[in-house]
C-alpha atoms as a PDB file:
ATOM      1  CA  UNK A   1     -97.641  17.219 -20.014  1.00  0.00           C
ATOM      2  CA  UNK A   2     -94.085  16.454 -21.003  1.00  0.00           C
ATOM      3  CA  UNK A   3     -92.731  19.692 -20.021  1.00  0.00           C
ATOM      4  CA  UNK A   4     -94.764  19.305 -16.474  1.00  0.00           C
ATOM      5  CA  UNK A   5     -92.754  15.469 -15.966  1.00  0.00           C
ATOM      6  CA  UNK A   6     -89.538  17.074 -17.048  1.00  0.00           C
ATOM      7  CA  UNK A   7     -89.588  20.121 -15.010  1.00  0.00           C
ATOM      8  CA  UNK A   8     -90.398  17.830 -11.713  1.00  0.00           C
ATOM      9  CA  UNK A   9     -87.457  15.391 -12.622  1.00  0.00           C
ATOM     10  CA  UNK A  10     -85.029  18.409 -12.802  1.00  0.00           C
ATOM     11  CA  UNK A  11     -86.811  19.865  -9.402  1.00  0.00           C
ATOM     12  CA  UNK A  12     -86.035  16.561  -7.905  1.00  0.00           C
ATOM     13  CA  UNK A  13     -82.279  16.130  -9.450  1.00  0.00           C
ATOM     14  CA  UNK A  14     -81.863  19.497  -8.000  1.00  0.00           C
ATOM     15  CA  UNK A  15     -83.225  18.637  -4.811  1.00  0.00           C
ATOM     16  CA  UNK A  16     -80.909  15.465  -4.365  1.00  0.00           C
ATOM     17  CA  UNK A  17     -78.147  17.307  -5.456  1.00  0.00           C
ATOM     18  CA  UNK A  18     -78.537  20.059  -2.650  1.00  0.00           C
ATOM     19  CA  UNK A  19     -78.714  17.330   0.009  1.00  0.00           C
ATOM     20  CA  UNK A  20     -75.415  15.815  -1.210  1.00  0.00           C
ATOM     21  CA  UNK A  21     -73.260  18.878  -0.802  1.00  0.00           C
ATOM     22  CA  UNK A  22     -72.636  18.514   2.921  1.00  0.00           C
ATOM     23  CA  UNK A  23     -71.052  15.066   2.565  1.00  0.00           C
ATOM     24  CA  UNK A  24     -68.545  17.027   0.117  1.00  0.00           C
ATOM     25  CA  UNK A  25     -67.853  19.432   3.382  1.00  0.00           C
ATOM     26  CA  UNK A  26     -65.493  16.718   4.598  1.00  0.00           C
ATOM     27  CA  UNK A  27     -63.871  13.887   3.483  1.00  0.00           C
ATOM     28  CA  UNK A  28     -62.692  10.523   5.485  1.00  0.00           C
ATOM     29  CA  UNK A  29     -59.713  11.242   7.153  1.00  0.00           C
ATOM     30  CA  UNK A  30     -60.071  15.288   7.619  1.00  0.00           C
ATOM     31  CA  UNK A  31     -59.152  16.426  11.015  1.00  0.00           C
ATOM     32  CA  UNK A  32     -61.449  18.449  13.189  1.00  0.00           C
ATOM     33  CA  UNK A  33     -61.489  20.097  16.547  1.00  0.00           C
ATOM     34  CA  UNK A  34     -64.075  19.474  19.321  1.00  0.00           C
ATOM     35  CA  UNK A  35     -65.020  22.586  21.418  1.00  0.00           C
ATOM     36  CA  UNK A  36     -67.175  22.998  24.139  1.00  0.00           C
ATOM     37  CA  UNK A  37     -70.670  24.634  23.241  1.00  0.00           C
ATOM     38  CA  UNK A  38     -72.076  27.629  24.805  1.00  0.00           C
ATOM     39  CA  UNK A  39     -74.045  26.283  27.169  1.00  0.00           C
ATOM     40  CA  UNK A  40     -71.783  23.656  28.492  1.00  0.00           C
ATOM     41  CA  UNK A  41     -73.292  20.535  27.025  1.00  0.00           C
ATOM     42  CA  UNK A  42     -72.983  18.751  23.646  1.00  0.00           C
ATOM     43  CA  UNK A  43     -76.417  18.043  21.804  1.00  0.00           C
ATOM     44  CA  UNK A  44     -74.993  17.219  18.476  1.00  0.00           C
ATOM     45  CA  UNK A  45     -71.865  15.195  19.387  1.00  0.00           C
ATOM     46  CA  UNK A  46     -73.345  11.799  20.735  1.00  0.00           C
ATOM     47  CA  UNK A  47     -71.013  11.442  23.584  1.00  0.00           C
ATOM     48  CA  UNK A  48     -71.998   8.363  26.000  1.00  0.00           C
ATOM     49  CA  UNK A  49     -73.894   9.720  28.896  1.00  0.00           C
ATOM     50  CA  UNK A  50     -72.327  10.106  32.390  1.00  0.00           C
ATOM     51  CA  UNK A  51     -73.711   7.128  34.163  1.00  0.00           C
ATOM     52  CA  UNK A  52     -72.101   4.882  31.463  1.00  0.00           C
ATOM     53  CA  UNK A  53     -68.779   6.636  31.492  1.00  0.00           C
ATOM     54  CA  UNK A  54     -68.910   6.349  35.577  1.00  0.00           C
ATOM     55  CA  UNK A  55     -69.950   2.884  35.319  1.00  0.00           C
ATOM     56  CA  UNK A  56     -66.859   2.200  33.318  1.00  0.00           C
ATOM     57  CA  UNK A  57     -64.256   3.825  35.438  1.00  0.00           C
ATOM     58  CA  UNK A  58     -63.768   6.926  33.483  1.00  0.00           C
ATOM     59  CA  UNK A  59     -64.219  10.631  34.645  1.00  0.00           C
ATOM     60  CA  UNK A  60     -67.125  12.169  33.162  1.00  0.00           C
ATOM     61  CA  UNK A  61     -65.795  15.553  32.686  1.00  0.00           C
ATOM     62  CA  UNK A  62     -66.817  17.196  29.272  1.00  0.00           C
ATOM     63  CA  UNK A  63     -64.326  19.779  29.460  1.00  0.00           C
ATOM     64  CA  UNK A  64     -61.382  17.097  28.808  1.00  0.00           C
ATOM     65  CA  UNK A  65     -62.825  16.702  25.190  1.00  0.00           C
ATOM     66  CA  UNK A  66     -62.372  20.680  24.407  1.00  0.00           C
ATOM     67  CA  UNK A  67     -59.321  21.456  22.004  1.00  0.00           C
ATOM     68  CA  UNK A  68     -59.163  17.662  21.105  1.00  0.00           C
ATOM     69  CA  UNK A  69     -58.348  16.914  17.688  1.00  0.00           C
ATOM     70  CA  UNK A  70     -60.317  14.187  15.873  1.00  0.00           C
ATOM     71  CA  UNK A  71     -60.331  12.489  13.001  1.00  0.00           C
ATOM     72  CA  UNK A  72     -63.168  11.720  10.713  1.00  0.00           C
ATOM     73  CA  UNK A  73     -63.229   7.610  10.097  1.00  0.00           C
ATOM     74  CA  UNK A  74     -66.809   7.130   8.504  1.00  0.00           C
ATOM     75  CA  UNK A  75     -69.441   9.222   6.628  1.00  0.00           C
ATOM     76  CA  UNK A  76     -73.081   8.200   6.183  1.00  0.00           C
ATOM     77  CA  UNK A  77     -76.080  10.299   5.107  1.00  0.00           C
ATOM     78  CA  UNK A  78     -79.373   9.352   6.713  1.00  0.00           C
ATOM     79  CA  UNK A  79     -82.754   9.436   4.576  1.00  0.00           C
ATOM     80  CA  UNK A  80     -83.697  12.895   5.768  1.00  0.00           C
ATOM     81  CA  UNK A  81     -80.366  14.461   4.444  1.00  0.00           C
ATOM     82  CA  UNK A  82     -78.339  14.474   7.822  1.00  0.00           C
ATOM     83  CA  UNK A  83     -74.805  13.604   7.677  1.00  0.00           C
ATOM     84  CA  UNK A  84     -73.611  11.126  10.766  1.00  0.00           C
ATOM     85  CA  UNK A  85     -69.604  11.120  10.837  1.00  0.00           C
ATOM     86  CA  UNK A  86     -67.663   8.496  13.566  1.00  0.00           C
ATOM     87  CA  UNK A  87     -64.881  10.539  15.221  1.00  0.00           C
ATOM     88  CA  UNK A  88     -61.619   8.991  16.730  1.00  0.00           C
ATOM     89  CA  UNK A  89     -59.311  11.128  18.551  1.00  0.00           C
ATOM     90  CA  UNK A  90     -56.247  11.919  16.418  1.00  0.00           C
ATOM     91  CA  UNK A  91     -53.422  11.012  19.093  1.00  0.00           C
ATOM     92  CA  UNK A  92     -55.303   7.450  19.101  1.00  0.00           C
ATOM     93  CA  UNK A  93     -56.334   7.737  23.047  1.00  0.00           C
ATOM     94  CA  UNK A  94     -59.918   6.750  23.663  1.00  0.00           C
ATOM     95  CA  UNK A  95     -62.619   9.205  24.865  1.00  0.00           C
ATOM     96  CA  UNK A  96     -62.903   8.884  28.633  1.00  0.00           C
ATOM     97  CA  UNK A  97     -60.587   5.741  28.756  1.00  0.00           C
ATOM     98  CA  UNK A  98     -62.981   3.432  27.050  1.00  0.00           C
ATOM     99  CA  UNK A  99     -64.811   4.746  24.063  1.00  0.00           C
ATOM    100  CA  UNK A 100     -62.663   4.456  21.001  1.00  0.00           C
ATOM    101  CA  UNK A 101     -65.318   7.035  18.960  1.00  0.00           C
ATOM    102  CA  UNK A 102     -68.332   8.918  18.825  1.00  0.00           C
ATOM    103  CA  UNK A 103     -70.576  10.041  16.382  1.00  0.00           C
ATOM    104  CA  UNK A 104     -72.270  13.347  15.407  1.00  0.00           C
ATOM    105  CA  UNK A 105     -74.550  14.822  13.190  1.00  0.00           C
ATOM    106  CA  UNK A 106     -72.358  17.084  10.848  1.00  0.00           C
ATOM    107  CA  UNK A 107     -74.279  20.028  10.025  1.00  0.00           C
ATOM    108  CA  UNK A 108     -75.629  20.861  13.471  1.00  0.00           C
ATOM    109  CA  UNK A 109     -72.475  20.592  15.340  1.00  0.00           C
ATOM    110  CA  UNK A 110     -70.445  22.833  12.816  1.00  0.00           C
ATOM    111  CA  UNK A 111     -73.705  25.379  12.881  1.00  0.00           C
ATOM    112  CA  UNK A 112     -73.634  25.354  16.767  1.00  0.00           C
ATOM    113  CA  UNK A 113     -69.850  25.384  17.207  1.00  0.00           C
ATOM    114  CA  UNK A 114     -69.231  21.810  18.743  1.00  0.00           C
ATOM    115  CA  UNK A 115     -67.293  20.863  16.003  1.00  0.00           C
ATOM    116  CA  UNK A 116     -64.750  23.088  13.861  1.00  0.00           C
ATOM    117  CA  UNK A 117     -62.901  22.223  10.551  1.00  0.00           C
ATOM    118  CA  UNK A 118     -59.387  22.408  10.703  1.00  0.00           C
ATOM    119  CA  UNK A 119     -58.102  25.122   8.320  1.00  0.00           C
ATOM    120  CA  UNK A 120     -55.944  23.931   4.993  1.00  0.00           C
ATOM    121  CA  UNK A 121     -52.454  25.135   6.776  1.00  0.00           C
ATOM    122  CA  UNK A 122     -53.396  22.876  10.023  1.00  0.00           C
ATOM    123  CA  UNK A 123     -54.284  19.734   7.545  1.00  0.00           C
ATOM    124  CA  UNK A 124     -50.652  20.226   5.289  1.00  0.00           C
ATOM    125  CA  UNK A 125     -49.205  20.551   8.687  1.00  0.00           C
ATOM    126  CA  UNK A 126     -50.883  17.333  10.204  1.00  0.00           C
ATOM    127  CA  UNK A 127     -50.131  15.030   6.769  1.00  0.00           C
ATOM    128  CA  UNK A 128     -46.460  16.222   7.354  1.00  0.00           C
ATOM    129  CA  UNK A 129     -46.367  14.309  10.806  1.00  0.00           C
END
């Protein structure tokens, strides 16, 4: 009976450790770039809806965010294991002239190519500025 309990505890600890591996992928202050996905619409980066952008006087052109460098400002892990990151533009400007930050589902956005982590040489260059 003890061996069953111990094995269950170790399995549970292993699953918990695996769920936390993705949060080690990025840290607060890391630089990423936004890439337009193949289908042209972002599903894992949560930009505001187009009608809300237009109501606030912005231009709802998703091509304008392609290639933007963004900085991770907050990382939260949900109960289901998904990591949600808050992103701000590196140059200090707002998205669509009115939105200072956006949120993204990290694992899904990286897998679909919507976000790309800057390599270490880019991080070093950005840190020198």
